[in-house]
């Protein structure tokens, strides 16, 4: 997931003491607008699954910086990111045409607080995402810790069209072979939703049709998972479209759930870079 809005002050002078010049090692284009790319990893770079990196590209006499979710397993030698081409976006306009071997700058510090270890209890982890908001969950699921922490895992990926359901094969492989040595790892469900498909294609492969918020309010999402979305057992992460996050927060508050704070346990976490 990335942020490529034209923000004031987004172009700055490179600060070499804060960033490392790295190299793009591979690019995979899922659709005309969706892509995954990998880079070399700065020496000593550390992150917790769910965090994001700040990436830089030259623009004029300065640099332009954007936040990108890390989709990597923390043990990987390379760093991986999942993004979307934003029409007219200053960053992705450059990035979309890059190939392996191109330079990219990475700030040496990782960022973000949407990590599963912030939950102190709970049986089921719900990971709700729209579009490229699935990015941090890929990192979380590629790491062993979350499979040991929760008995049940529910990954919800909502997109406009079925062609945008990236990473499905890998997620299915994780369902079959979780990356943990635990005897009884958490059980993962993948629930896919589309909002602009019609006819049989809308529900092909067991997909749901409709927005996440609509599916929660109708009870359809819980029926599909066979699990209740309640404060006693559910812990929820939200990542993606700001409108989805704001509306889902409202729904969760109505159900008696509270956001996690630094000093106060809660039932949900959000991440939004838009």
C-alpha atoms as a PDB file:
ATOM      1  CA  UNK A   1       0.000   0.000   0.000  1.00  0.00           C
ATOM      2  CA  UNK A   2       1.326   3.438  -0.852  1.00  0.00           C
ATOM      3  CA  UNK A   3       0.589   7.115  -0.565  1.00  0.00           C
ATOM      4  CA  UNK A   4       1.206   9.181  -3.696  1.00  0.00           C
ATOM      5  CA  UNK A   5      -0.836  12.311  -3.126  1.00  0.00           C
ATOM      6  CA  UNK A   6       0.661  15.696  -3.990  1.00  0.00           C
ATOM      7  CA  UNK A   7       1.344  16.929  -0.495  1.00  0.00           C
ATOM      8  CA  UNK A   8       2.987  20.256   0.351  1.00  0.00           C
ATOM      9  CA  UNK A   9       6.539  19.740   1.499  1.00  0.00           C
ATOM     10  CA  UNK A  10       6.866  16.260  -0.023  1.00  0.00           C
ATOM     11  CA  UNK A  11       9.964  17.257  -2.029  1.00  0.00           C
ATOM     12  CA  UNK A  12      13.007  17.653   0.209  1.00  0.00           C
ATOM     13  CA  UNK A  13      16.763  17.730   0.064  1.00  0.00           C
ATOM     14  CA  UNK A  14      18.245  14.212   0.398  1.00  0.00           C
ATOM     15  CA  UNK A  15      19.447  13.470   3.910  1.00  0.00           C
ATOM     16  CA  UNK A  16      22.068  10.788   3.428  1.00  0.00           C
ATOM     17  CA  UNK A  17      22.354  10.240   7.175  1.00  0.00           C
ATOM     18  CA  UNK A  18      18.706   9.140   7.250  1.00  0.00           C
ATOM     19  CA  UNK A  19      18.458   7.158   4.018  1.00  0.00           C
ATOM     20  CA  UNK A  20      20.329   4.437   2.177  1.00  0.00           C
ATOM     21  CA  UNK A  21      20.712   4.224  -1.609  1.00  0.00           C
ATOM     22  CA  UNK A  22      19.465   0.776  -2.596  1.00  0.00           C
ATOM     23  CA  UNK A  23      18.645  -1.054  -5.832  1.00  0.00           C
ATOM     24  CA  UNK A  24      15.375  -2.392  -7.246  1.00  0.00           C
ATOM     25  CA  UNK A  25      15.911  -6.116  -7.795  1.00  0.00           C
ATOM     26  CA  UNK A  26      12.623  -7.176  -9.446  1.00  0.00           C
ATOM     27  CA  UNK A  27       9.255  -5.875 -10.593  1.00  0.00           C
ATOM     28  CA  UNK A  28       6.050  -7.874 -11.059  1.00  0.00           C
ATOM     29  CA  UNK A  29       3.074  -6.251 -12.744  1.00  0.00           C
ATOM     30  CA  UNK A  30      -0.226  -7.836 -11.725  1.00  0.00           C
ATOM     31  CA  UNK A  31      -2.390  -5.519 -13.823  1.00  0.00           C
ATOM     32  CA  UNK A  32      -1.852  -2.281 -15.717  1.00  0.00           C
ATOM     33  CA  UNK A  33      -2.011  -0.408 -12.409  1.00  0.00           C
ATOM     34  CA  UNK A  34      -0.949  -2.892  -9.698  1.00  0.00           C
ATOM     35  CA  UNK A  35       2.627  -3.978  -9.167  1.00  0.00           C
ATOM     36  CA  UNK A  36       4.973  -5.622  -6.674  1.00  0.00           C
ATOM     37  CA  UNK A  37       8.620  -4.682  -6.514  1.00  0.00           C
ATOM     38  CA  UNK A  38      11.605  -5.687  -4.438  1.00  0.00           C
ATOM     39  CA  UNK A  39      14.756  -3.879  -3.416  1.00  0.00           C
ATOM     40  CA  UNK A  40      18.009  -4.592  -1.667  1.00  0.00           C
ATOM     41  CA  UNK A  41      17.836  -4.126   2.085  1.00  0.00           C
ATOM     42  CA  UNK A  42      19.815  -1.454   3.955  1.00  0.00           C
ATOM     43  CA  UNK A  43      22.385  -2.907   6.296  1.00  0.00           C
ATOM     44  CA  UNK A  44      20.906  -3.395   9.754  1.00  0.00           C
ATOM     45  CA  UNK A  45      17.370  -2.522   8.588  1.00  0.00           C
ATOM     46  CA  UNK A  46      14.728  -3.878  10.972  1.00  0.00           C
ATOM     47  CA  UNK A  47      10.943  -3.846  10.983  1.00  0.00           C
ATOM     48  CA  UNK A  48       7.985  -5.565  12.574  1.00  0.00           C
ATOM     49  CA  UNK A  49       5.363  -7.119  10.249  1.00  0.00           C
ATOM     50  CA  UNK A  50       2.691  -4.509   9.622  1.00  0.00           C
ATOM     51  CA  UNK A  51       5.075  -1.545   9.494  1.00  0.00           C
ATOM     52  CA  UNK A  52       5.947   0.534   6.445  1.00  0.00           C
ATOM     53  CA  UNK A  53       9.026   2.046   4.839  1.00  0.00           C
ATOM     54  CA  UNK A  54       9.627   5.522   3.443  1.00  0.00           C
ATOM     55  CA  UNK A  55      11.011   5.345  -0.082  1.00  0.00           C
ATOM     56  CA  UNK A  56      12.627   8.148  -2.052  1.00  0.00           C
ATOM     57  CA  UNK A  57      13.197   8.969  -5.711  1.00  0.00           C
ATOM     58  CA  UNK A  58      15.012  12.002  -7.164  1.00  0.00           C
ATOM     59  CA  UNK A  59      12.886  14.861  -8.446  1.00  0.00           C
ATOM     60  CA  UNK A  60      14.599  17.971  -9.724  1.00  0.00           C
ATOM     61  CA  UNK A  61      17.189  19.101  -7.205  1.00  0.00           C
ATOM     62  CA  UNK A  62      15.580  17.208  -4.342  1.00  0.00           C
ATOM     63  CA  UNK A  63      13.875  13.966  -3.422  1.00  0.00           C
ATOM     64  CA  UNK A  64      10.257  12.932  -3.228  1.00  0.00           C
ATOM     65  CA  UNK A  65       9.291  10.509  -0.465  1.00  0.00           C
ATOM     66  CA  UNK A  66       6.379   8.124  -0.105  1.00  0.00           C
ATOM     67  CA  UNK A  67       5.252   5.560   2.479  1.00  0.00           C
ATOM     68  CA  UNK A  68       5.040   1.960   1.259  1.00  0.00           C
ATOM     69  CA  UNK A  69       3.848  -1.009   3.285  1.00  0.00           C
ATOM     70  CA  UNK A  70       6.447  -3.714   3.680  1.00  0.00           C
ATOM     71  CA  UNK A  71       5.028  -7.001   2.451  1.00  0.00           C
ATOM     72  CA  UNK A  72       8.224  -8.927   3.241  1.00  0.00           C
ATOM     73  CA  UNK A  73       8.878 -11.579   5.819  1.00  0.00           C
ATOM     74  CA  UNK A  74      11.260  -9.797   8.239  1.00  0.00           C
ATOM     75  CA  UNK A  75      13.798 -12.578   7.685  1.00  0.00           C
ATOM     76  CA  UNK A  76      14.012 -11.983   3.920  1.00  0.00           C
ATOM     77  CA  UNK A  77      17.238 -10.507   2.568  1.00  0.00           C
ATOM     78  CA  UNK A  78      15.279  -8.257   0.188  1.00  0.00           C
ATOM     79  CA  UNK A  79      12.437  -5.876   0.953  1.00  0.00           C
ATOM     80  CA  UNK A  80       9.137  -6.198  -0.912  1.00  0.00           C
ATOM     81  CA  UNK A  81       6.357  -3.662  -1.523  1.00  0.00           C
ATOM     82  CA  UNK A  82       2.920  -3.689  -3.174  1.00  0.00           C
ATOM     83  CA  UNK A  83       1.594  -0.562  -4.836  1.00  0.00           C
ATOM     84  CA  UNK A  84      -0.766   1.039  -7.309  1.00  0.00           C
ATOM     85  CA  UNK A  85      -0.035   3.506 -10.088  1.00  0.00           C
ATOM     86  CA  UNK A  86      -1.740   6.782  -9.199  1.00  0.00           C
ATOM     87  CA  UNK A  87      -2.633   8.765 -12.347  1.00  0.00           C
ATOM     88  CA  UNK A  88      -0.454  11.879 -12.281  1.00  0.00           C
ATOM     89  CA  UNK A  89       1.232  10.776  -9.059  1.00  0.00           C
ATOM     90  CA  UNK A  90       4.721  12.231  -8.850  1.00  0.00           C
ATOM     91  CA  UNK A  91       6.203   9.096  -7.298  1.00  0.00           C
ATOM     92  CA  UNK A  92       4.506   6.266  -9.161  1.00  0.00           C
ATOM     93  CA  UNK A  93       4.837   8.070 -12.491  1.00  0.00           C
ATOM     94  CA  UNK A  94       8.555   7.357 -12.115  1.00  0.00           C
ATOM     95  CA  UNK A  95       8.241   4.024 -10.379  1.00  0.00           C
ATOM     96  CA  UNK A  96       5.823   2.362 -12.820  1.00  0.00           C
ATOM     97  CA  UNK A  97       8.424   2.292 -15.601  1.00  0.00           C
ATOM     98  CA  UNK A  98      11.394   1.205 -13.489  1.00  0.00           C
ATOM     99  CA  UNK A  99      13.090  -2.120 -13.969  1.00  0.00           C
ATOM    100  CA  UNK A 100      15.562  -4.181 -11.963  1.00  0.00           C
ATOM    101  CA  UNK A 101      18.798  -2.284 -11.421  1.00  0.00           C
ATOM    102  CA  UNK A 102      17.216   1.133 -10.879  1.00  0.00           C
ATOM    103  CA  UNK A 103      18.180   3.045  -7.711  1.00  0.00           C
ATOM    104  CA  UNK A 104      15.793   3.819  -4.864  1.00  0.00           C
ATOM    105  CA  UNK A 105      16.389   5.421  -1.469  1.00  0.00           C
ATOM    106  CA  UNK A 106      15.090   3.887   1.759  1.00  0.00           C
ATOM    107  CA  UNK A 107      14.977   5.655   5.099  1.00  0.00           C
ATOM    108  CA  UNK A 108      16.883   3.589   7.622  1.00  0.00           C
ATOM    109  CA  UNK A 109      14.019   3.611  10.137  1.00  0.00           C
ATOM    110  CA  UNK A 110      10.744   1.691   9.730  1.00  0.00           C
ATOM    111  CA  UNK A 111       7.426   3.270  10.721  1.00  0.00           C
ATOM    112  CA  UNK A 112       3.921   2.420  11.862  1.00  0.00           C
ATOM    113  CA  UNK A 113       2.079   0.846  14.779  1.00  0.00           C
ATOM    114  CA  UNK A 114      -0.329  -1.553  13.072  1.00  0.00           C
ATOM    115  CA  UNK A 115       1.336  -4.708  14.355  1.00  0.00           C
ATOM    116  CA  UNK A 116      -0.374  -7.816  15.730  1.00  0.00           C
ATOM    117  CA  UNK A 117       1.691  -7.782  18.918  1.00  0.00           C
ATOM    118  CA  UNK A 118      -0.223  -4.711  20.081  1.00  0.00           C
ATOM    119  CA  UNK A 119      -3.155  -6.986  20.892  1.00  0.00           C
ATOM    120  CA  UNK A 120      -2.801  -8.488  24.347  1.00  0.00           C
ATOM    121  CA  UNK A 121      -5.609 -11.027  23.928  1.00  0.00           C
ATOM    122  CA  UNK A 122      -8.275 -12.255  21.537  1.00  0.00           C
ATOM    123  CA  UNK A 123      -9.014 -15.493  19.696  1.00  0.00           C
ATOM    124  CA  UNK A 124      -9.618 -14.309  16.135  1.00  0.00           C
ATOM    125  CA  UNK A 125      -7.651 -11.738  14.158  1.00  0.00           C
ATOM    126  CA  UNK A 126      -9.697 -10.071  11.422  1.00  0.00           C
ATOM    127  CA  UNK A 127      -7.536  -8.357   8.767  1.00  0.00           C
ATOM    128  CA  UNK A 128      -9.797  -6.125   6.681  1.00  0.00           C
ATOM    129  CA  UNK A 129      -8.362  -4.550   3.539  1.00  0.00           C
ATOM    130  CA  UNK A 130      -9.301  -2.782   0.348  1.00  0.00           C
ATOM    131  CA  UNK A 131      -7.028  -2.779  -2.697  1.00  0.00           C
ATOM    132  CA  UNK A 132      -3.342  -2.498  -1.867  1.00  0.00           C
ATOM    133  CA  UNK A 133      -4.288  -2.295   1.818  1.00  0.00           C
ATOM    134  CA  UNK A 134      -3.619  -6.046   1.877  1.00  0.00           C
ATOM    135  CA  UNK A 135       0.111  -5.217   1.869  1.00  0.00           C
ATOM    136  CA  UNK A 136       0.885  -5.195   5.622  1.00  0.00           C
ATOM    137  CA  UNK A 137      -1.128  -8.384   6.129  1.00  0.00           C
ATOM    138  CA  UNK A 138       1.125 -10.222   3.681  1.00  0.00           C
ATOM    139  CA  UNK A 139       4.090  -9.409   5.902  1.00  0.00           C
ATOM    140  CA  UNK A 140       2.156 -10.418   9.015  1.00  0.00           C
ATOM    141  CA  UNK A 141       1.113 -13.756   7.494  1.00  0.00           C
ATOM    142  CA  UNK A 142       4.583 -14.524   6.138  1.00  0.00           C
ATOM    143  CA  UNK A 143       5.916 -14.374   9.704  1.00  0.00           C
ATOM    144  CA  UNK A 144       5.387 -17.184  12.224  1.00  0.00           C
ATOM    145  CA  UNK A 145       4.371 -15.031  15.204  1.00  0.00           C
ATOM    146  CA  UNK A 146       0.741 -14.302  14.282  1.00  0.00           C
ATOM    147  CA  UNK A 147       0.015 -17.980  13.624  1.00  0.00           C
ATOM    148  CA  UNK A 148       1.098 -18.727  17.172  1.00  0.00           C
ATOM    149  CA  UNK A 149      -0.707 -15.736  18.707  1.00  0.00           C
ATOM    150  CA  UNK A 150      -4.248 -16.315  17.370  1.00  0.00           C
ATOM    151  CA  UNK A 151      -6.352 -19.451  17.042  1.00  0.00           C
ATOM    152  CA  UNK A 152      -8.141 -18.120  13.965  1.00  0.00           C
ATOM    153  CA  UNK A 153      -7.141 -15.668  11.235  1.00  0.00           C
ATOM    154  CA  UNK A 154      -9.541 -14.044   8.773  1.00  0.00           C
ATOM    155  CA  UNK A 155      -8.104 -12.104   5.832  1.00  0.00           C
ATOM    156  CA  UNK A 156     -10.695 -10.045   3.945  1.00  0.00           C
ATOM    157  CA  UNK A 157      -9.593  -8.539   0.630  1.00  0.00           C
ATOM    158  CA  UNK A 158     -12.069  -6.256  -1.143  1.00  0.00           C
ATOM    159  CA  UNK A 159     -11.372  -4.918  -4.652  1.00  0.00           C
ATOM    160  CA  UNK A 160     -13.340  -3.519  -7.550  1.00  0.00           C
ATOM    161  CA  UNK A 161     -12.599  -6.281 -10.059  1.00  0.00           C
ATOM    162  CA  UNK A 162     -11.504  -9.904  -9.605  1.00  0.00           C
ATOM    163  CA  UNK A 163      -8.310  -9.293 -11.609  1.00  0.00           C
ATOM    164  CA  UNK A 164      -7.112  -7.131  -8.710  1.00  0.00           C
ATOM    165  CA  UNK A 165      -7.094 -10.049  -6.224  1.00  0.00           C
ATOM    166  CA  UNK A 166      -3.305 -10.284  -6.177  1.00  0.00           C
ATOM    167  CA  UNK A 167      -1.300 -12.766  -4.076  1.00  0.00           C
ATOM    168  CA  UNK A 168      -4.131 -15.315  -3.957  1.00  0.00           C
ATOM    169  CA  UNK A 169      -1.906 -18.289  -4.793  1.00  0.00           C
ATOM    170  CA  UNK A 170       0.583 -17.470  -2.059  1.00  0.00           C
ATOM    171  CA  UNK A 171      -2.167 -16.932   0.503  1.00  0.00           C
ATOM    172  CA  UNK A 172      -3.669 -20.323  -0.374  1.00  0.00           C
ATOM    173  CA  UNK A 173      -0.219 -21.863   0.087  1.00  0.00           C
ATOM    174  CA  UNK A 174       0.067 -20.254   3.514  1.00  0.00           C
ATOM    175  CA  UNK A 175      -3.306 -21.729   4.441  1.00  0.00           C
ATOM    176  CA  UNK A 176      -1.987 -25.175   3.581  1.00  0.00           C
ATOM    177  CA  UNK A 177       1.475 -24.745   5.111  1.00  0.00           C
ATOM    178  CA  UNK A 178       1.698 -22.006   7.779  1.00  0.00           C
ATOM    179  CA  UNK A 179       5.230 -20.640   8.374  1.00  0.00           C
ATOM    180  CA  UNK A 180       5.449 -21.903  11.946  1.00  0.00           C
ATOM    181  CA  UNK A 181       6.659 -24.975  13.787  1.00  0.00           C
ATOM    182  CA  UNK A 182       3.737 -24.778  16.225  1.00  0.00           C
ATOM    183  CA  UNK A 183       1.779 -28.004  16.550  1.00  0.00           C
ATOM    184  CA  UNK A 184      -1.560 -26.196  16.409  1.00  0.00           C
ATOM    185  CA  UNK A 185      -1.133 -22.976  14.385  1.00  0.00           C
ATOM    186  CA  UNK A 186      -3.956 -20.549  13.765  1.00  0.00           C
ATOM    187  CA  UNK A 187      -6.382 -21.433  10.985  1.00  0.00           C
ATOM    188  CA  UNK A 188      -6.523 -18.930   8.119  1.00  0.00           C
ATOM    189  CA  UNK A 189      -9.598 -18.062   6.075  1.00  0.00           C
ATOM    190  CA  UNK A 190      -9.394 -15.903   2.955  1.00  0.00           C
ATOM    191  CA  UNK A 191     -12.570 -14.011   2.102  1.00  0.00           C
ATOM    192  CA  UNK A 192     -12.512 -12.119  -1.180  1.00  0.00           C
ATOM    193  CA  UNK A 193     -15.024  -9.440  -2.142  1.00  0.00           C
ATOM    194  CA  UNK A 194     -15.612  -7.463  -5.317  1.00  0.00           C
ATOM    195  CA  UNK A 195     -17.662  -4.315  -5.743  1.00  0.00           C
ATOM    196  CA  UNK A 196     -17.906  -3.871  -9.529  1.00  0.00           C
ATOM    197  CA  UNK A 197     -18.271  -7.397 -10.875  1.00  0.00           C
ATOM    198  CA  UNK A 198     -21.690  -8.616 -11.977  1.00  0.00           C
ATOM    199  CA  UNK A 199     -23.434 -11.871 -12.709  1.00  0.00           C
ATOM    200  CA  UNK A 200     -21.752 -15.191 -11.981  1.00  0.00           C
ATOM    201  CA  UNK A 201     -18.293 -13.619 -11.991  1.00  0.00           C
ATOM    202  CA  UNK A 202     -19.199 -11.582  -8.909  1.00  0.00           C
ATOM    203  CA  UNK A 203     -19.498 -14.688  -6.732  1.00  0.00           C
ATOM    204  CA  UNK A 204     -17.173 -17.078  -8.582  1.00  0.00           C
ATOM    205  CA  UNK A 205     -14.893 -19.056  -6.308  1.00  0.00           C
ATOM    206  CA  UNK A 206     -17.057 -18.283  -3.294  1.00  0.00           C
ATOM    207  CA  UNK A 207     -16.405 -14.534  -3.447  1.00  0.00           C
ATOM    208  CA  UNK A 208     -18.761 -12.069  -1.807  1.00  0.00           C
ATOM    209  CA  UNK A 209     -20.184  -9.072  -3.608  1.00  0.00           C
ATOM    210  CA  UNK A 210     -20.273  -5.693  -1.920  1.00  0.00           C
ATOM    211  CA  UNK A 211     -18.270  -3.327   0.246  1.00  0.00           C
ATOM    212  CA  UNK A 212     -16.780  -4.478   3.529  1.00  0.00           C
ATOM    213  CA  UNK A 213     -18.965  -2.145   5.552  1.00  0.00           C
ATOM    214  CA  UNK A 214     -22.134  -3.356   3.817  1.00  0.00           C
ATOM    215  CA  UNK A 215     -21.142  -6.978   4.380  1.00  0.00           C
ATOM    216  CA  UNK A 216     -20.509  -6.351   8.077  1.00  0.00           C
ATOM    217  CA  UNK A 217     -23.782  -4.541   8.652  1.00  0.00           C
ATOM    218  CA  UNK A 218     -25.793  -7.202   6.822  1.00  0.00           C
ATOM    219  CA  UNK A 219     -24.094  -9.966   8.788  1.00  0.00           C
ATOM    220  CA  UNK A 220     -22.937 -11.623   5.555  1.00  0.00           C
ATOM    221  CA  UNK A 221     -19.242 -11.329   6.374  1.00  0.00           C
ATOM    222  CA  UNK A 222     -19.658 -13.087   9.723  1.00  0.00           C
ATOM    223  CA  UNK A 223     -21.823 -15.776   8.155  1.00  0.00           C
ATOM    224  CA  UNK A 224     -19.172 -16.413   5.531  1.00  0.00           C
ATOM    225  CA  UNK A 225     -16.435 -16.703   8.158  1.00  0.00           C
ATOM    226  CA  UNK A 226     -18.627 -18.621  10.592  1.00  0.00           C
ATOM    227  CA  UNK A 227     -17.251 -16.374  13.329  1.00  0.00           C
ATOM    228  CA  UNK A 228     -18.675 -13.453  15.333  1.00  0.00           C
ATOM    229  CA  UNK A 229     -17.209  -9.975  15.072  1.00  0.00           C
ATOM    230  CA  UNK A 230     -17.582  -9.152  18.760  1.00  0.00           C
ATOM    231  CA  UNK A 231     -15.319  -7.529  21.380  1.00  0.00           C
ATOM    232  CA  UNK A 232     -15.024 -10.660  23.498  1.00  0.00           C
ATOM    233  CA  UNK A 233     -13.096 -12.667  20.892  1.00  0.00           C
ATOM    234  CA  UNK A 234     -12.381 -10.545  17.796  1.00  0.00           C
ATOM    235  CA  UNK A 235      -9.399  -8.298  17.208  1.00  0.00           C
ATOM    236  CA  UNK A 236      -9.535  -6.218  14.043  1.00  0.00           C
ATOM    237  CA  UNK A 237      -7.028  -4.528  11.755  1.00  0.00           C
ATOM    238  CA  UNK A 238      -8.173  -2.058   9.086  1.00  0.00           C
ATOM    239  CA  UNK A 239      -6.067  -0.939   6.136  1.00  0.00           C
ATOM    240  CA  UNK A 240      -7.058   0.688   2.851  1.00  0.00           C
ATOM    241  CA  UNK A 241      -9.608   3.202   1.664  1.00  0.00           C
ATOM    242  CA  UNK A 242     -10.073   6.014   4.227  1.00  0.00           C
ATOM    243  CA  UNK A 243     -13.855   5.928   3.805  1.00  0.00           C
ATOM    244  CA  UNK A 244     -13.917   2.198   4.563  1.00  0.00           C
ATOM    245  CA  UNK A 245     -11.758   2.737   7.631  1.00  0.00           C
ATOM    246  CA  UNK A 246     -13.874   5.609   8.965  1.00  0.00           C
ATOM    247  CA  UNK A 247     -17.151   3.763   8.422  1.00  0.00           C
ATOM    248  CA  UNK A 248     -15.858   0.476   9.849  1.00  0.00           C
ATOM    249  CA  UNK A 249     -14.540   2.287  12.916  1.00  0.00           C
ATOM    250  CA  UNK A 250     -18.060   3.634  13.460  1.00  0.00           C
ATOM    251  CA  UNK A 251     -19.536   0.135  13.165  1.00  0.00           C
ATOM    252  CA  UNK A 252     -16.976  -1.352  15.549  1.00  0.00           C
ATOM    253  CA  UNK A 253     -17.610   1.408  18.099  1.00  0.00           C
ATOM    254  CA  UNK A 254     -21.317   0.558  17.934  1.00  0.00           C
ATOM    255  CA  UNK A 255     -20.411  -3.052  18.735  1.00  0.00           C
ATOM    256  CA  UNK A 256     -18.524  -2.006  21.844  1.00  0.00           C
ATOM    257  CA  UNK A 257     -15.014  -2.129  20.406  1.00  0.00           C
ATOM    258  CA  UNK A 258     -12.340   0.456  21.117  1.00  0.00           C
ATOM    259  CA  UNK A 259      -9.104   1.376  19.306  1.00  0.00           C
ATOM    260  CA  UNK A 260      -5.779   0.258  20.729  1.00  0.00           C
ATOM    261  CA  UNK A 261      -3.888   3.091  22.398  1.00  0.00           C
ATOM    262  CA  UNK A 262      -0.331   3.068  23.626  1.00  0.00           C
ATOM    263  CA  UNK A 263      -1.356   2.701  27.245  1.00  0.00           C
ATOM    264  CA  UNK A 264      -4.839   1.232  26.758  1.00  0.00           C
ATOM    265  CA  UNK A 265      -5.708  -2.200  25.347  1.00  0.00           C
ATOM    266  CA  UNK A 266      -8.319  -2.219  22.612  1.00  0.00           C
ATOM    267  CA  UNK A 267      -9.950  -4.355  19.960  1.00  0.00           C
ATOM    268  CA  UNK A 268      -8.939  -2.675  16.688  1.00  0.00           C
ATOM    269  CA  UNK A 269      -6.069  -0.966  14.874  1.00  0.00           C
ATOM    270  CA  UNK A 270      -6.039   1.155  11.711  1.00  0.00           C
ATOM    271  CA  UNK A 271      -3.501   2.282   9.123  1.00  0.00           C
ATOM    272  CA  UNK A 272      -4.099   4.916   6.490  1.00  0.00           C
ATOM    273  CA  UNK A 273      -1.455   6.642   4.340  1.00  0.00           C
ATOM    274  CA  UNK A 274      -3.790   8.387   1.898  1.00  0.00           C
END
